[in-house]
Amino acid sequence: SDPKHFISLPRTAEAARLAGFSEAFNCSSELSRMFRGISYVKESDQTVALLYDINGYIAGTQSIVPNIVDIHTAINRAPFVSYPEGHALTVYFVNPAIICTTGRTAAEFNEQGTGTRLYLQINPFPDESVILP
């Protein structure tokens, strides 16, 4: 594949597993207080983590900048959220409040596609994410 062009990413957790992605955290993990969803990464590369709801449908995406000594100050503030492993930039395609509770049904996913809105997480409280216009 050519990295200069768009590459489609899996929109279901099942498709992610089949494509070689593995679970990094889930709705029961300690990180679920800071981020919503079941996170999948490919080959431990967290530059692109895909977030799925409890029913396995795409719910968002996350990019991680790992903690390093010489870090640029721009990622030490919103919209990056700091946590022990690094700094995360997280967007949700559906309301974060439903991701680890009800999720979307197959019918909703088929009707809505990837999502309904774009929510940007700006602090460690995902339910306070802002809707982007």
Foldseek 3Di string as FASTA:
>chain_A
DDPVDDDDDDFFQVVCVVVQWDWDDACPDPLVLQAHATWTDHPPQQQWIFGAAPVGGTWWIKGFDADDDDDDCVQVFPPWEDDDGGTMWIKTQEQRVCRHPPGDDPVCCVVQPNHDFIWTRGYSHSNPTDTDD
